Amino acid sequence: MADKNVSSGFVTGFVMGALVGLAIGFLYAPQTGEETRQRFSEEVKRVKEQTAEIAGKVEKSAAEVMKKVEAKAKEAEEQAEK
C-alpha cells in the first residue's frame, strides 16, 4: 500500500514539475498566442503520454517489489515454524 502512495506521489510531482516548466517556457517564448497555444497543447499531450509510461513502469516495479517482499515474508514465516 505504501508503494502505491510513493508511486502516485512521484508521478504527481513529475507531472506538476513538467507542467510548471512548460508554462514558464511558453510565457517567455517569442511566438504568437496562436502558435503558443498550439505548441502548449502538443507538449501537454506529450507529457501525458510520458507520464502514463512512467506510471506504468513505477507500478510494474512496485508490483515486482511486493512479490519479492511477500516471498521473503513467506520464507521467514516457514523458517520461524521450523
N, C-alpha and C. Protein backbone atom coordinates (compact mmCIF):
# COMPACT_ATOMS: atom_id res chain seq x y z
N MET A 1 0.81 -1.18 0.00
CA MET A 1 0.00 0.00 0.00
C MET A 1 0.87 1.26 0.00
N ALA A 2 1.94 1.23 0.78
CA ALA A 2 2.84 2.39 0.83
C ALA A 2 3.51 2.62 -0.51
N ASP A 3 3.77 1.54 -1.26
CA ASP A 3 4.40 1.68 -2.57
C ASP A 3 3.51 2.46 -3.51
N LYS A 4 2.19 2.25 -3.45
CA LYS A 4 1.29 2.99 -4.33
C LYS A 4 1.31 4.48 -3.98
N ASN A 5 1.38 4.80 -2.69
CA ASN A 5 1.43 6.20 -2.27
C ASN A 5 2.71 6.86 -2.77
N VAL A 6 3.82 6.16 -2.66
CA VAL A 6 5.10 6.68 -3.13
C VAL A 6 5.05 6.85 -4.64
N SER A 7 4.51 5.84 -5.33
CA SER A 7 4.42 5.89 -6.79
C SER A 7 3.55 7.05 -7.25
N SER A 8 2.38 7.19 -6.65
CA SER A 8 1.48 8.25 -7.08
C SER A 8 2.06 9.61 -6.72
N GLY A 9 2.77 9.71 -5.60
CA GLY A 9 3.41 10.97 -5.23
C GLY A 9 4.49 11.36 -6.22
N PHE A 10 5.28 10.38 -6.64
CA PHE A 10 6.33 10.65 -7.62
C PHE A 10 5.73 11.11 -8.94
N VAL A 11 4.72 10.40 -9.41
CA VAL A 11 4.10 10.74 -10.69
C VAL A 11 3.45 12.12 -10.61
N THR A 12 2.78 12.40 -9.51
CA THR A 12 2.15 13.71 -9.34
C THR A 12 3.19 14.82 -9.36
N GLY A 13 4.27 14.62 -8.63
CA GLY A 13 5.35 15.61 -8.62
C GLY A 13 5.97 15.81 -9.98
N PHE A 14 6.17 14.70 -10.69
CA PHE A 14 6.75 14.76 -12.02
C PHE A 14 5.85 15.56 -12.96
N VAL A 15 4.57 15.27 -12.95
CA VAL A 15 3.62 15.95 -13.83
C VAL A 15 3.55 17.44 -13.49
N MET A 16 3.45 17.75 -12.22
CA MET A 16 3.36 19.16 -11.83
C MET A 16 4.62 19.92 -12.23
N GLY A 17 5.77 19.33 -12.01
CA GLY A 17 7.02 19.97 -12.39
C GLY A 17 7.11 20.19 -13.89
N ALA A 18 6.70 19.19 -14.64
CA ALA A 18 6.73 19.31 -16.10
C ALA A 18 5.79 20.41 -16.59
N LEU A 19 4.59 20.45 -16.02
CA LEU A 19 3.62 21.46 -16.45
C LEU A 19 4.07 22.88 -16.07
N VAL A 20 4.63 23.04 -14.89
CA VAL A 20 5.12 24.36 -14.48
C VAL A 20 6.27 24.78 -15.40
N GLY A 21 7.17 23.85 -15.69
CA GLY A 21 8.27 24.15 -16.61
C GLY A 21 7.77 24.54 -17.99
N LEU A 22 6.78 23.81 -18.48
CA LEU A 22 6.21 24.15 -19.78
C LEU A 22 5.58 25.53 -19.77
N ALA A 23 4.82 25.81 -18.74
CA ALA A 23 4.13 27.10 -18.67
C ALA A 23 5.14 28.25 -18.66
N ILE A 24 6.17 28.13 -17.86
CA ILE A 24 7.20 29.18 -17.80
C ILE A 24 7.89 29.33 -19.14
N GLY A 25 8.21 28.20 -19.76
CA GLY A 25 8.85 28.25 -21.07
C GLY A 25 7.99 28.93 -22.12
N PHE A 26 6.70 28.67 -22.09
CA PHE A 26 5.81 29.27 -23.07
C PHE A 26 5.58 30.75 -22.82
N LEU A 27 5.63 31.15 -21.58
CA LEU A 27 5.44 32.57 -21.28
C LEU A 27 6.59 33.41 -21.84
N TYR A 28 7.75 32.84 -21.94
CA TYR A 28 8.92 33.56 -22.45
C TYR A 28 9.20 33.26 -23.93
N ALA A 29 8.35 32.48 -24.56
CA ALA A 29 8.56 32.11 -25.96
C ALA A 29 8.22 33.30 -26.87
N PRO A 30 9.06 33.55 -27.87
CA PRO A 30 8.81 34.65 -28.81
C PRO A 30 7.90 34.21 -29.96
N GLN A 31 6.68 33.82 -29.62
CA GLN A 31 5.73 33.36 -30.64
C GLN A 31 4.40 34.07 -30.44
N THR A 32 3.54 33.94 -31.45
CA THR A 32 2.20 34.50 -31.33
C THR A 32 1.39 33.65 -30.36
N GLY A 33 0.28 34.20 -29.91
CA GLY A 33 -0.60 33.47 -28.99
C GLY A 33 -1.10 32.16 -29.59
N GLU A 34 -1.49 32.21 -30.87
CA GLU A 34 -1.99 31.01 -31.56
C GLU A 34 -0.91 29.92 -31.59
N GLU A 35 0.30 30.30 -31.98
CA GLU A 35 1.40 29.32 -32.05
C GLU A 35 1.72 28.78 -30.66
N THR A 36 1.69 29.65 -29.68
CA THR A 36 2.00 29.23 -28.31
C THR A 36 0.95 28.24 -27.81
N ARG A 37 -0.32 28.52 -28.04
CA ARG A 37 -1.39 27.60 -27.61
C ARG A 37 -1.27 26.25 -28.30
N GLN A 38 -0.97 26.26 -29.59
CA GLN A 38 -0.81 25.01 -30.33
C GLN A 38 0.36 24.20 -29.78
N ARG A 39 1.46 24.87 -29.58
CA ARG A 39 2.66 24.19 -29.07
C ARG A 39 2.40 23.67 -27.64
N PHE A 40 1.74 24.48 -26.83
CA PHE A 40 1.41 24.07 -25.47
C PHE A 40 0.53 22.82 -25.48
N SER A 41 -0.46 22.81 -26.36
CA SER A 41 -1.35 21.65 -26.48
C SER A 41 -0.56 20.40 -26.85
N GLU A 42 0.35 20.52 -27.78
CA GLU A 42 1.17 19.39 -28.20
C GLU A 42 2.07 18.90 -27.06
N GLU A 43 2.65 19.85 -26.34
CA GLU A 43 3.54 19.49 -25.23
C GLU A 43 2.77 18.83 -24.09
N VAL A 44 1.57 19.32 -23.80
CA VAL A 44 0.77 18.70 -22.75
C VAL A 44 0.43 17.26 -23.14
N LYS A 45 0.11 17.05 -24.40
CA LYS A 45 -0.19 15.70 -24.86
C LYS A 45 1.05 14.80 -24.71
N ARG A 46 2.21 15.33 -25.04
CA ARG A 46 3.45 14.56 -24.92
C ARG A 46 3.74 14.23 -23.46
N VAL A 47 3.55 15.21 -22.57
CA VAL A 47 3.80 14.98 -21.14
C VAL A 47 2.82 13.93 -20.60
N LYS A 48 1.58 13.98 -21.03
CA LYS A 48 0.60 12.98 -20.60
C LYS A 48 1.05 11.58 -21.00
N GLU A 49 1.51 11.43 -22.22
CA GLU A 49 1.97 10.13 -22.70
C GLU A 49 3.18 9.66 -21.89
N GLN A 50 4.13 10.55 -21.65
CA GLN A 50 5.31 10.18 -20.87
C GLN A 50 4.93 9.83 -19.43
N THR A 51 4.00 10.57 -18.88
CA THR A 51 3.55 10.31 -17.52
C THR A 51 2.89 8.94 -17.42
N ALA A 52 2.06 8.61 -18.39
CA ALA A 52 1.42 7.30 -18.39
C ALA A 52 2.47 6.19 -18.49
N GLU A 53 3.48 6.41 -19.30
CA GLU A 53 4.55 5.43 -19.45
C GLU A 53 5.33 5.26 -18.14
N ILE A 54 5.67 6.37 -17.52
CA ILE A 54 6.42 6.32 -16.26
C ILE A 54 5.56 5.68 -15.17
N ALA A 55 4.30 6.05 -15.12
CA ALA A 55 3.41 5.47 -14.10
C ALA A 55 3.32 3.96 -14.27
N GLY A 56 3.25 3.51 -15.51
CA GLY A 56 3.21 2.07 -15.76
C GLY A 56 4.48 1.38 -15.29
N LYS A 57 5.62 2.00 -15.55
CA LYS A 57 6.90 1.42 -15.11
C LYS A 57 7.00 1.39 -13.59
N VAL A 58 6.57 2.47 -12.95
CA VAL A 58 6.61 2.54 -11.49
C VAL A 58 5.68 1.49 -10.89
N GLU A 59 4.50 1.37 -11.46
CA GLU A 59 3.54 0.37 -10.97
C GLU A 59 4.09 -1.04 -11.13
N LYS A 60 4.71 -1.31 -12.27
CA LYS A 60 5.30 -2.63 -12.52
C LYS A 60 6.42 -2.91 -11.52
N SER A 61 7.27 -1.92 -11.29
CA SER A 61 8.37 -2.08 -10.34
C SER A 61 7.84 -2.31 -8.93
N ALA A 62 6.82 -1.57 -8.55
CA ALA A 62 6.24 -1.73 -7.22
C ALA A 62 5.64 -3.13 -7.07
N ALA A 63 5.00 -3.63 -8.11
CA ALA A 63 4.42 -4.97 -8.06
C ALA A 63 5.51 -6.02 -7.91
N GLU A 64 6.62 -5.84 -8.61
CA GLU A 64 7.74 -6.78 -8.51
C GLU A 64 8.33 -6.76 -7.11
N VAL A 65 8.47 -5.57 -6.54
CA VAL A 65 9.00 -5.45 -5.18
C VAL A 65 8.05 -6.13 -4.20
N MET A 66 6.77 -5.92 -4.37
CA MET A 66 5.79 -6.55 -3.47
C MET A 66 5.87 -8.07 -3.54
N LYS A 67 6.04 -8.61 -4.73
CA LYS A 67 6.17 -10.06 -4.88
C LYS A 67 7.40 -10.57 -4.14
N LYS A 68 8.50 -9.84 -4.26
CA LYS A 68 9.73 -10.23 -3.57
C LYS A 68 9.55 -10.15 -2.06
N VAL A 69 8.91 -9.10 -1.59
CA VAL A 69 8.68 -8.94 -0.16
C VAL A 69 7.78 -10.05 0.35
N GLU A 70 6.73 -10.36 -0.38
CA GLU A 70 5.83 -11.44 0.03
C GLU A 70 6.56 -12.77 0.07
N ALA A 71 7.41 -13.03 -0.92
CA ALA A 71 8.18 -14.27 -0.94
C ALA A 71 9.12 -14.34 0.25
N LYS A 72 9.79 -13.24 0.57
CA LYS A 72 10.71 -13.22 1.72
C LYS A 72 9.93 -13.40 3.03
N ALA A 73 8.76 -12.78 3.13
CA ALA A 73 7.95 -12.92 4.32
C ALA A 73 7.49 -14.36 4.51
N LYS A 74 7.09 -14.98 3.41
CA LYS A 74 6.66 -16.37 3.47
C LYS A 74 7.84 -17.27 3.86
N GLU A 75 8.99 -16.97 3.31
CA GLU A 75 10.20 -17.74 3.63
C GLU A 75 10.56 -17.59 5.11
N ALA A 76 10.46 -16.38 5.62
CA ALA A 76 10.75 -16.12 7.03
C ALA A 76 9.73 -16.82 7.93
N GLU A 77 8.49 -16.82 7.50
CA GLU A 77 7.44 -17.50 8.26
C GLU A 77 7.69 -18.99 8.33
N GLU A 78 8.11 -19.57 7.21
CA GLU A 78 8.41 -21.00 7.17
C GLU A 78 9.60 -21.32 8.05
N GLN A 79 10.60 -20.45 8.06
CA GLN A 79 11.78 -20.65 8.91
C GLN A 79 11.40 -20.57 10.38
N ALA A 80 10.49 -19.67 10.71
CA ALA A 80 10.05 -19.49 12.10
C ALA A 80 9.28 -20.72 12.59
N GLU A 81 8.57 -21.38 11.70
CA GLU A 81 7.78 -22.55 12.07
C GLU A 81 8.65 -23.77 12.34
N LYS A 82 9.86 -23.81 11.81
CA LYS A 82 10.75 -24.97 11.99
C LYS A 82 11.40 -25.02 13.30
